[in-house]
Amino acid sequence: MLDKDMIRKIAKNAKVELTEEETKEFLPQIEDVLEWFKAIENAPDMEMSMHPIKIRDAFRDDIVEQSMPKEYALQGTDHKKDGYFKGPRAV
């Protein structure tokens, strides 16, 4: 399946320098990963039975609440005109 030359080629493509000892160490680890992929590939098609995050409805009802008074919001800026924030002109 895999040999040291293949590990060296993978390392070269990843721009990683490996010692001979590291090459020997990674060979069985990469073989294990490939076996896991084979197991996943051979698994029967099934619907997902769990989700890593809770699925919930992202929408909520609109609730009208008291907002900040316009005068208070505008008091911290010099960029205002006729009771509104003034921004850069858009074309």
Protein backbone atom coordinates (compact mmCIF):
# COMPACT_ATOMS: atom_id res chain seq x y z
CA MET A 1 0.00 0.00 0.00
CA LEU A 2 2.25 2.81 1.24
CA ASP A 3 6.00 2.80 1.44
CA LYS A 4 8.71 5.19 2.59
CA ASP A 5 9.07 6.68 -0.89
CA MET A 6 5.39 7.60 -0.93
CA ILE A 7 5.72 9.22 2.53
CA ARG A 8 8.71 11.23 1.27
CA LYS A 9 6.72 12.32 -1.78
CA ILE A 10 3.78 13.40 0.39
CA ALA A 11 6.17 15.32 2.66
CA LYS A 12 7.83 17.00 -0.32
CA ASN A 13 4.44 18.07 -1.73
CA ALA A 14 3.52 19.45 1.69
CA LYS A 15 6.92 21.20 1.84
CA VAL A 16 7.80 19.34 5.03
CA GLU A 17 11.21 17.88 5.70
CA LEU A 18 11.14 14.52 7.48
CA THR A 19 13.99 12.60 9.04
CA GLU A 20 14.28 8.87 8.40
CA GLU A 21 12.90 8.27 11.89
CA GLU A 22 9.88 10.50 11.24
CA THR A 23 9.26 8.75 7.92
CA LYS A 24 9.14 5.39 9.73
CA GLU A 25 6.88 6.89 12.41
CA PHE A 26 4.37 8.41 9.97
CA LEU A 27 4.05 5.37 7.70
CA PRO A 28 1.73 3.35 10.00
CA GLN A 29 -0.15 6.49 11.04
CA ILE A 30 -1.00 7.42 7.46
CA GLU A 31 -1.94 3.80 6.72
CA ASP A 32 -4.38 3.95 9.66
CA VAL A 33 -5.94 7.14 8.30
CA LEU A 34 -6.38 5.54 4.88
CA GLU A 35 -8.05 2.52 6.51
CA TRP A 36 -10.49 4.84 8.29
CA PHE A 37 -11.35 6.47 4.96
CA LYS A 38 -11.96 3.02 3.46
CA ALA A 39 -14.31 2.19 6.32
CA ILE A 40 -16.24 5.41 5.74
CA GLU A 41 -16.31 4.81 2.00
CA ASN A 42 -17.71 1.30 2.52
CA ALA A 43 -20.32 2.36 5.06
CA PRO A 44 -23.92 1.93 3.92
CA ASP A 45 -25.84 5.04 2.92
CA MET A 46 -27.84 6.17 5.92
CA GLU A 47 -29.60 9.29 7.05
CA MET A 48 -27.79 11.28 9.67
CA SER A 49 -29.16 10.31 13.07
CA MET A 50 -27.52 13.05 15.11
CA HIS A 51 -26.25 16.54 14.57
CA PRO A 52 -23.17 18.06 16.21
CA ILE A 53 -25.12 21.21 16.97
CA LYS A 54 -28.70 21.63 18.07
CA ILE A 55 -30.97 22.40 15.15
CA ARG A 56 -33.43 25.15 15.98
CA ASP A 57 -35.60 27.62 14.19
CA ALA A 58 -33.53 30.74 13.55
CA PHE A 59 -36.57 32.95 13.10
CA ARG A 60 -38.34 34.71 15.93
CA ASP A 61 -41.40 36.87 16.25
CA ASP A 62 -40.91 40.60 15.79
CA ILE A 63 -41.51 42.40 19.04
CA VAL A 64 -41.95 46.17 19.00
CA GLU A 65 -39.98 47.74 21.83
CA GLN A 66 -39.09 51.25 22.87
CA SER A 67 -36.03 52.41 20.93
CA MET A 68 -33.36 55.00 21.71
CA PRO A 69 -34.58 58.59 21.35
CA LYS A 70 -33.36 60.15 18.08
CA GLU A 71 -31.87 63.18 19.85
CA TYR A 72 -29.82 60.94 22.14
CA ALA A 73 -28.51 58.87 19.21
CA LEU A 74 -27.50 61.97 17.24
CA GLN A 75 -25.79 63.82 20.09
CA GLY A 76 -22.48 61.98 19.60
CA THR A 77 -21.91 62.94 15.95
CA ASP A 78 -21.26 66.06 13.93
CA HIS A 79 -22.45 64.24 10.80
CA LYS A 80 -26.18 64.89 10.96
CA LYS A 81 -28.71 66.80 8.92
CA ASP A 82 -32.42 67.41 9.51
CA GLY A 83 -32.58 64.87 12.36
CA TYR A 84 -30.78 62.03 10.50
CA PHE A 85 -27.23 60.70 10.35
CA LYS A 86 -25.39 62.09 7.34
CA GLY A 87 -23.19 59.66 5.43
CA PRO A 88 -21.00 59.85 2.35
CA ARG A 89 -22.74 60.44 -0.95
CA ALA A 90 -23.35 57.25 -2.94
CA VAL A 91 -23.41 57.20 -6.71
